[in-house]
Amino acid sequence: MDSPFVVSKGIESEALGEEHRQSLLERFIREDSQLMDILEGLRALELPDWRLVSGAIYQTVWNRLTGRSQGHGIKDYDIAYFDPLDRSWDAEDAVIKRVDAALPAWKGRLEVRNQARVHLWYSEKFGGAYPELTGTDESLENYMCTTHAVAVRLEVDGRLSIAAPFGLADIFALTIRPCHKLESNRTHYAEKAKRMSRLWPELKILHWESGEPVRPELLDERH
């Protein structure tokens, strides 16, 4: 569907104000039948402290701001929940299967992770330590970019709650800004930013070290 906002408006995101950005984010999500289908299915499962997180959220905004089609560039749908009572892989696998069964149309595109157990496997997969978390929203602070750190949940009363510890300004400004909390994120930052810029050429990419805008092909250089 068409958006009344053009890229120049997105780049002037600060002029919108955070309350306005949140209102627009909720509007974009509610107008997206695919996202609402997933959110309604997840709500029915009543997973503990669950959220739909990251790519499917901010990329939906980018598609609306740049006039691209629904679902453009969205590879999968990341679902986070928090269950500290059972941190085993078997328990997480059981939840993955429940989600797949509840949302069969999306099977193979749903990535479900118990945030209470990420610290148990993170170092082996990515290198470096990962903090033991106390809730799903806390995990957003460890994401690679401020843009990635956004999550939503469709509440029982129909409200759409939004978690965004760094705010929504960078999302609406089409900006990739690194977060430096986890040094291990540095390894994949350039690769991720390059992929994003191929799908959304309007993006402003900030260099990991200098924080200055940089062309995607120069991301690997030290500034």
C-alpha atoms as a PDB file:
ATOM      1  CA  MET A   1       0.000   0.000   0.000  1.00  0.00           C
ATOM      2  CA  ASP A   2       1.112   3.530  -0.629  1.00  0.00           C
ATOM      3  CA  SER A   3       2.405   5.733   2.140  1.00  0.00           C
ATOM      4  CA  PRO A   4       1.792   9.491   2.360  1.00  0.00           C
ATOM      5  CA  PHE A   5       5.366   9.882   3.573  1.00  0.00           C
ATOM      6  CA  VAL A   6       8.324  10.278   1.280  1.00  0.00           C
ATOM      7  CA  VAL A   7      11.984   9.670   2.005  1.00  0.00           C
ATOM      8  CA  SER A   8      12.680  13.337   2.728  1.00  0.00           C
ATOM      9  CA  LYS A   9      10.127  13.189   5.539  1.00  0.00           C
ATOM     10  CA  GLY A  10      11.777  10.089   6.928  1.00  0.00           C
ATOM     11  CA  ILE A  11      15.194  11.740   6.914  1.00  0.00           C
ATOM     12  CA  GLU A  12      13.706  14.645   8.905  1.00  0.00           C
ATOM     13  CA  SER A  13      12.584  12.170  11.544  1.00  0.00           C
ATOM     14  CA  GLU A  14      13.550  14.349  14.504  1.00  0.00           C
ATOM     15  CA  ALA A  15      10.878  16.861  13.493  1.00  0.00           C
ATOM     16  CA  LEU A  16       8.199  14.220  14.024  1.00  0.00           C
ATOM     17  CA  GLY A  17       8.755  13.725  17.755  1.00  0.00           C
ATOM     18  CA  GLU A  18       8.861  10.330  19.455  1.00  0.00           C
ATOM     19  CA  GLU A  19       5.142  10.227  20.205  1.00  0.00           C
ATOM     20  CA  HIS A  20       4.353  10.847  16.533  1.00  0.00           C
ATOM     21  CA  ARG A  21       6.848   8.180  15.453  1.00  0.00           C
ATOM     22  CA  GLN A  22       5.253   5.654  17.800  1.00  0.00           C
ATOM     23  CA  SER A  23       1.821   6.517  16.427  1.00  0.00           C
ATOM     24  CA  LEU A  24       3.050   6.015  12.860  1.00  0.00           C
ATOM     25  CA  LEU A  25       4.737   2.725  13.755  1.00  0.00           C
ATOM     26  CA  GLU A  26       1.519   1.408  15.263  1.00  0.00           C
ATOM     27  CA  ARG A  27      -0.435   2.565  12.230  1.00  0.00           C
ATOM     28  CA  PHE A  28       1.973   0.886   9.784  1.00  0.00           C
ATOM     29  CA  ILE A  29       1.830  -2.382  11.721  1.00  0.00           C
ATOM     30  CA  ARG A  30      -1.950  -2.425  12.060  1.00  0.00           C
ATOM     31  CA  GLU A  31      -2.300  -1.736   8.332  1.00  0.00           C
ATOM     32  CA  ASP A  32      -0.012  -4.671   7.494  1.00  0.00           C
ATOM     33  CA  SER A  33      -2.152  -7.815   7.246  1.00  0.00           C
ATOM     34  CA  GLN A  34       0.878 -10.117   7.401  1.00  0.00           C
ATOM     35  CA  LEU A  35       2.246  -8.661  10.626  1.00  0.00           C
ATOM     36  CA  MET A  36      -1.173  -8.643  12.236  1.00  0.00           C
ATOM     37  CA  ASP A  37      -1.706 -12.284  11.291  1.00  0.00           C
ATOM     38  CA  ILE A  38       1.532 -13.210  13.066  1.00  0.00           C
ATOM     39  CA  LEU A  39       0.839 -11.000  16.084  1.00  0.00           C
ATOM     40  CA  GLU A  40      -2.658 -12.388  16.558  1.00  0.00           C
ATOM     41  CA  GLY A  41      -1.346 -15.951  16.310  1.00  0.00           C
ATOM     42  CA  LEU A  42       1.363 -15.263  18.872  1.00  0.00           C
ATOM     43  CA  ARG A  43      -1.051 -13.595  21.261  1.00  0.00           C
ATOM     44  CA  ALA A  44      -3.242 -16.703  21.264  1.00  0.00           C
ATOM     45  CA  LEU A  45      -0.255 -18.843  22.346  1.00  0.00           C
ATOM     46  CA  GLU A  46       0.308 -16.775  25.513  1.00  0.00           C
ATOM     47  CA  LEU A  47       4.076 -17.260  25.497  1.00  0.00           C
ATOM     48  CA  PRO A  48       5.815 -15.692  28.519  1.00  0.00           C
ATOM     49  CA  ASP A  49       7.048 -12.124  27.927  1.00  0.00           C
ATOM     50  CA  TRP A  50       6.915 -12.501  24.138  1.00  0.00           C
ATOM     51  CA  ARG A  51       7.673  -9.932  21.442  1.00  0.00           C
ATOM     52  CA  LEU A  52       7.903  -9.759  17.658  1.00  0.00           C
ATOM     53  CA  VAL A  53      11.284  -8.101  17.274  1.00  0.00           C
ATOM     54  CA  SER A  54      13.652  -6.291  14.952  1.00  0.00           C
ATOM     55  CA  GLY A  55      13.687  -6.777  11.170  1.00  0.00           C
ATOM     56  CA  ALA A  56      10.020  -7.322  10.421  1.00  0.00           C
ATOM     57  CA  ILE A  57       9.247  -4.144  12.371  1.00  0.00           C
ATOM     58  CA  TYR A  58      11.799  -1.608  11.148  1.00  0.00           C
ATOM     59  CA  GLN A  59      11.825  -2.972   7.599  1.00  0.00           C
ATOM     60  CA  THR A  60       8.061  -2.542   7.404  1.00  0.00           C
ATOM     61  CA  VAL A  61       8.568   1.128   8.284  1.00  0.00           C
ATOM     62  CA  TRP A  62      11.256   1.493   5.623  1.00  0.00           C
ATOM     63  CA  ASN A  63       8.991  -0.057   3.019  1.00  0.00           C
ATOM     64  CA  ARG A  64       6.214   2.374   3.849  1.00  0.00           C
ATOM     65  CA  LEU A  65       8.535   5.388   3.842  1.00  0.00           C
ATOM     66  CA  THR A  66      10.124   4.457   0.513  1.00  0.00           C
ATOM     67  CA  GLY A  67       6.988   3.215  -1.233  1.00  0.00           C
ATOM     68  CA  ARG A  68       8.104  -0.389  -1.521  1.00  0.00           C
ATOM     69  CA  SER A  69       5.826  -3.409  -1.480  1.00  0.00           C
ATOM     70  CA  GLN A  70       4.597  -5.197   1.627  1.00  0.00           C
ATOM     71  CA  GLY A  71       7.209  -7.610   2.945  1.00  0.00           C
ATOM     72  CA  HIS A  72      10.040  -6.335   0.718  1.00  0.00           C
ATOM     73  CA  GLY A  73      13.408  -7.474   2.127  1.00  0.00           C
ATOM     74  CA  ILE A  74      11.944  -9.314   5.123  1.00  0.00           C
ATOM     75  CA  LYS A  75      13.673 -12.711   5.275  1.00  0.00           C
ATOM     76  CA  ASP A  76      12.154 -13.973   8.497  1.00  0.00           C
ATOM     77  CA  TYR A  77      10.197 -12.974  11.568  1.00  0.00           C
ATOM     78  CA  ASP A  78      12.091 -12.955  14.866  1.00  0.00           C
ATOM     79  CA  ILE A  79      10.077 -13.935  17.929  1.00  0.00           C
ATOM     80  CA  ALA A  80      11.525 -13.542  21.401  1.00  0.00           C
ATOM     81  CA  TYR A  81      10.121 -14.807  24.688  1.00  0.00           C
ATOM     82  CA  PHE A  82      11.510 -15.208  28.207  1.00  0.00           C
ATOM     83  CA  ASP A  83      11.220 -18.383  30.245  1.00  0.00           C
ATOM     84  CA  PRO A  84      13.870 -18.630  32.998  1.00  0.00           C
ATOM     85  CA  LEU A  85      12.215 -21.724  34.506  1.00  0.00           C
ATOM     86  CA  ASP A  86      13.406 -24.013  31.721  1.00  0.00           C
ATOM     87  CA  ARG A  87      16.485 -22.913  29.802  1.00  0.00           C
ATOM     88  CA  SER A  88      16.950 -26.213  28.002  1.00  0.00           C
ATOM     89  CA  TRP A  89      17.110 -26.554  24.234  1.00  0.00           C
ATOM     90  CA  ASP A  90      14.327 -29.163  24.408  1.00  0.00           C
ATOM     91  CA  ALA A  91      11.963 -26.655  26.010  1.00  0.00           C
ATOM     92  CA  GLU A  92      12.813 -24.006  23.412  1.00  0.00           C
ATOM     93  CA  ASP A  93      12.342 -26.532  20.623  1.00  0.00           C
ATOM     94  CA  ALA A  94       8.901 -27.376  21.973  1.00  0.00           C
ATOM     95  CA  VAL A  95       7.949 -23.698  21.803  1.00  0.00           C
ATOM     96  CA  ILE A  96       9.294 -23.448  18.242  1.00  0.00           C
ATOM     97  CA  LYS A  97       7.049 -26.347  17.249  1.00  0.00           C
ATOM     98  CA  ARG A  98       4.039 -24.764  18.981  1.00  0.00           C
ATOM     99  CA  VAL A  99       4.581 -21.520  17.085  1.00  0.00           C
ATOM    100  CA  ASP A 100       4.974 -23.345  13.762  1.00  0.00           C
ATOM    101  CA  ALA A 101       1.764 -25.284  14.395  1.00  0.00           C
ATOM    102  CA  ALA A 102      -0.154 -22.124  15.284  1.00  0.00           C
ATOM    103  CA  LEU A 103       1.130 -20.228  12.229  1.00  0.00           C
ATOM    104  CA  PRO A 104       1.486 -22.860   9.480  1.00  0.00           C
ATOM    105  CA  ALA A 105       1.464 -20.286   6.684  1.00  0.00           C
ATOM    106  CA  TRP A 106       4.697 -18.868   8.101  1.00  0.00           C
ATOM    107  CA  LYS A 107       6.520 -22.100   8.885  1.00  0.00           C
ATOM    108  CA  GLY A 108      10.189 -21.846   7.952  1.00  0.00           C
ATOM    109  CA  ARG A 109      10.205 -18.051   8.308  1.00  0.00           C
ATOM    110  CA  LEU A 110       9.743 -17.819  12.072  1.00  0.00           C
ATOM    111  CA  GLU A 111      12.841 -17.592  14.307  1.00  0.00           C
ATOM    112  CA  VAL A 112      11.887 -18.264  17.925  1.00  0.00           C
ATOM    113  CA  ARG A 113      14.370 -17.818  20.790  1.00  0.00           C
ATOM    114  CA  ASN A 114      14.119 -17.980  24.564  1.00  0.00           C
ATOM    115  CA  GLN A 115      16.020 -14.902  25.734  1.00  0.00           C
ATOM    116  CA  ALA A 116      16.617 -16.524  29.121  1.00  0.00           C
ATOM    117  CA  ARG A 117      19.095 -18.954  27.555  1.00  0.00           C
ATOM    118  CA  VAL A 118      20.987 -16.814  25.001  1.00  0.00           C
ATOM    119  CA  HIS A 119      23.936 -16.370  27.378  1.00  0.00           C
ATOM    120  CA  LEU A 120      24.370 -20.156  27.427  1.00  0.00           C
ATOM    121  CA  TRP A 121      25.184 -20.497  23.709  1.00  0.00           C
ATOM    122  CA  TYR A 122      26.131 -17.037  22.468  1.00  0.00           C
ATOM    123  CA  SER A 123      29.887 -17.163  23.051  1.00  0.00           C
ATOM    124  CA  GLU A 124      30.274 -20.444  21.181  1.00  0.00           C
ATOM    125  CA  LYS A 125      28.379 -19.148  18.158  1.00  0.00           C
ATOM    126  CA  PHE A 126      29.487 -15.503  18.008  1.00  0.00           C
ATOM    127  CA  GLY A 127      32.475 -15.157  20.340  1.00  0.00           C
ATOM    128  CA  GLY A 128      32.518 -12.904  23.374  1.00  0.00           C
ATOM    129  CA  ALA A 129      30.330 -12.950  26.442  1.00  0.00           C
ATOM    130  CA  TYR A 130      26.601 -12.237  26.573  1.00  0.00           C
ATOM    131  CA  PRO A 131      24.900 -11.036  29.764  1.00  0.00           C
ATOM    132  CA  GLU A 132      22.309 -13.140  31.542  1.00  0.00           C
ATOM    133  CA  LEU A 133      19.035 -11.299  31.014  1.00  0.00           C
ATOM    134  CA  THR A 134      16.063 -10.600  33.268  1.00  0.00           C
ATOM    135  CA  GLY A 135      13.474 -10.099  30.527  1.00  0.00           C
ATOM    136  CA  THR A 136      12.868  -9.954  26.787  1.00  0.00           C
ATOM    137  CA  ASP A 137      12.989  -6.164  26.478  1.00  0.00           C
ATOM    138  CA  GLU A 138      16.454  -6.106  28.055  1.00  0.00           C
ATOM    139  CA  SER A 139      17.757  -8.111  25.091  1.00  0.00           C
ATOM    140  CA  LEU A 140      17.109  -5.170  22.756  1.00  0.00           C
ATOM    141  CA  GLU A 141      19.972  -3.234  24.338  1.00  0.00           C
ATOM    142  CA  ASN A 142      22.429  -5.841  23.002  1.00  0.00           C
ATOM    143  CA  TYR A 143      21.419  -5.602  19.351  1.00  0.00           C
ATOM    144  CA  MET A 144      23.885  -4.611  16.645  1.00  0.00           C
ATOM    145  CA  CYS A 145      22.191  -1.335  15.658  1.00  0.00           C
ATOM    146  CA  THR A 146      19.798   1.121  17.256  1.00  0.00           C
ATOM    147  CA  THR A 147      17.516   0.442  14.307  1.00  0.00           C
ATOM    148  CA  HIS A 148      17.290  -3.256  15.191  1.00  0.00           C
ATOM    149  CA  ALA A 149      16.285  -2.557  18.788  1.00  0.00           C
ATOM    150  CA  VAL A 150      12.535  -2.393  18.407  1.00  0.00           C
ATOM    151  CA  ALA A 151       9.866  -4.888  19.400  1.00  0.00           C
ATOM    152  CA  VAL A 152       6.083  -5.043  19.616  1.00  0.00           C
ATOM    153  CA  ARG A 153       3.431  -7.169  21.282  1.00  0.00           C
ATOM    154  CA  LEU A 154      -0.299  -7.345  20.673  1.00  0.00           C
ATOM    155  CA  GLU A 155      -1.818  -7.264  24.135  1.00  0.00           C
ATOM    156  CA  VAL A 156      -4.892  -9.152  25.297  1.00  0.00           C
ATOM    157  CA  ASP A 157      -6.922  -5.911  25.301  1.00  0.00           C
ATOM    158  CA  GLY A 158      -5.908  -5.129  21.704  1.00  0.00           C
ATOM    159  CA  ARG A 159      -3.256  -2.537  22.532  1.00  0.00           C
ATOM    160  CA  LEU A 160       0.005  -2.658  20.610  1.00  0.00           C
ATOM    161  CA  SER A 161       2.846  -2.173  23.070  1.00  0.00           C
ATOM    162  CA  ILE A 162       6.180  -0.968  21.724  1.00  0.00           C
ATOM    163  CA  ALA A 163       9.659  -1.427  23.215  1.00  0.00           C
ATOM    164  CA  ALA A 164      12.466   0.671  21.734  1.00  0.00           C
ATOM    165  CA  PRO A 165      15.277   1.501  24.200  1.00  0.00           C
ATOM    166  CA  PHE A 166      17.039   3.791  21.707  1.00  0.00           C
ATOM    167  CA  GLY A 167      13.850   5.357  20.389  1.00  0.00           C
ATOM    168  CA  LEU A 168      12.508   5.269  16.835  1.00  0.00           C
ATOM    169  CA  ALA A 169      14.324   8.275  15.364  1.00  0.00           C
ATOM    170  CA  ASP A 170      16.945   6.251  13.471  1.00  0.00           C
ATOM    171  CA  ILE A 171      14.318   3.926  12.014  1.00  0.00           C
ATOM    172  CA  PHE A 172      12.291   6.813  10.611  1.00  0.00           C
ATOM    173  CA  ALA A 173      15.475   8.586   9.501  1.00  0.00           C
ATOM    174  CA  LEU A 174      16.516   5.502   7.498  1.00  0.00           C
ATOM    175  CA  THR A 175      19.772   5.357   9.458  1.00  0.00           C
ATOM    176  CA  ILE A 176      21.950   2.389  10.426  1.00  0.00           C
ATOM    177  CA  ARG A 177      23.764   3.381  13.633  1.00  0.00           C
ATOM    178  CA  PRO A 178      25.946   0.827  15.476  1.00  0.00           C
ATOM    179  CA  CYS A 179      25.514  -0.124  19.109  1.00  0.00           C
ATOM    180  CA  HIS A 180      28.790  -0.847  20.856  1.00  0.00           C
ATOM    181  CA  LYS A 181      27.605  -2.743  23.930  1.00  0.00           C
ATOM    182  CA  LEU A 182      28.746  -6.089  22.504  1.00  0.00           C
ATOM    183  CA  GLU A 183      32.110  -6.017  20.758  1.00  0.00           C
ATOM    184  CA  SER A 184      31.214  -9.275  18.998  1.00  0.00           C
ATOM    185  CA  ASN A 185      28.644  -7.367  16.916  1.00  0.00           C
ATOM    186  CA  ARG A 186      31.461  -5.554  15.113  1.00  0.00           C
ATOM    187  CA  THR A 187      32.277  -8.663  13.056  1.00  0.00           C
ATOM    188  CA  HIS A 188      28.922  -8.738  11.292  1.00  0.00           C
ATOM    189  CA  TYR A 189      28.078  -5.023  11.214  1.00  0.00           C
ATOM    190  CA  ALA A 190      29.515  -4.258   7.764  1.00  0.00           C
ATOM    191  CA  GLU A 191      27.979  -7.363   6.220  1.00  0.00           C
ATOM    192  CA  LYS A 192      24.538  -6.570   7.629  1.00  0.00           C
ATOM    193  CA  ALA A 193      24.699  -2.899   6.646  1.00  0.00           C
ATOM    194  CA  LYS A 194      25.721  -3.757   3.083  1.00  0.00           C
ATOM    195  CA  ARG A 195      22.807  -6.142   2.707  1.00  0.00           C
ATOM    196  CA  MET A 196      20.399  -3.522   4.010  1.00  0.00           C
ATOM    197  CA  SER A 197      21.746  -0.861   1.662  1.00  0.00           C
ATOM    198  CA  ARG A 198      21.261  -3.140  -1.335  1.00  0.00           C
ATOM    199  CA  LEU A 199      17.601  -3.549  -0.442  1.00  0.00           C
ATOM    200  CA  TRP A 200      17.045   0.067   0.636  1.00  0.00           C
ATOM    201  CA  PRO A 201      19.595   2.281  -1.192  1.00  0.00           C
ATOM    202  CA  GLU A 202      18.212   5.371   0.574  1.00  0.00           C
ATOM    203  CA  LEU A 203      19.762   4.292   3.887  1.00  0.00           C
ATOM    204  CA  LYS A 204      22.384   6.357   5.663  1.00  0.00           C
ATOM    205  CA  ILE A 205      25.057   4.001   7.021  1.00  0.00           C
ATOM    206  CA  LEU A 206      27.244   5.127   9.928  1.00  0.00           C
ATOM    207  CA  HIS A 207      30.719   3.651  10.304  1.00  0.00           C
ATOM    208  CA  TRP A 208      31.241   1.341  13.294  1.00  0.00           C
ATOM    209  CA  GLU A 209      34.266   3.225  14.627  1.00  0.00           C
ATOM    210  CA  SER A 210      33.887   6.836  13.550  1.00  0.00           C
ATOM    211  CA  GLY A 211      30.089   7.096  13.576  1.00  0.00           C
ATOM    212  CA  GLU A 212      30.337   9.128  10.371  1.00  0.00           C
ATOM    213  CA  PRO A 213      28.228   8.446   7.267  1.00  0.00           C
ATOM    214  CA  VAL A 214      30.064   6.136   4.892  1.00  0.00           C
ATOM    215  CA  ARG A 215      29.407   4.493   1.548  1.00  0.00           C
ATOM    216  CA  PRO A 216      28.593   0.778   2.006  1.00  0.00           C
ATOM    217  CA  GLU A 217      31.656  -0.358   0.048  1.00  0.00           C
ATOM    218  CA  LEU A 218      33.913   1.485   2.527  1.00  0.00           C
ATOM    219  CA  LEU A 219      32.418  -0.027   5.677  1.00  0.00           C
ATOM    220  CA  ASP A 220      35.307  -2.424   6.178  1.00  0.00           C
ATOM    221  CA  GLU A 221      37.888   0.363   6.266  1.00  0.00           C
ATOM    222  CA  ARG A 222      39.100   1.717   9.602  1.00  0.00           C
ATOM    223  CA  HIS A 223      38.317   5.413  10.055  1.00  0.00           C
END
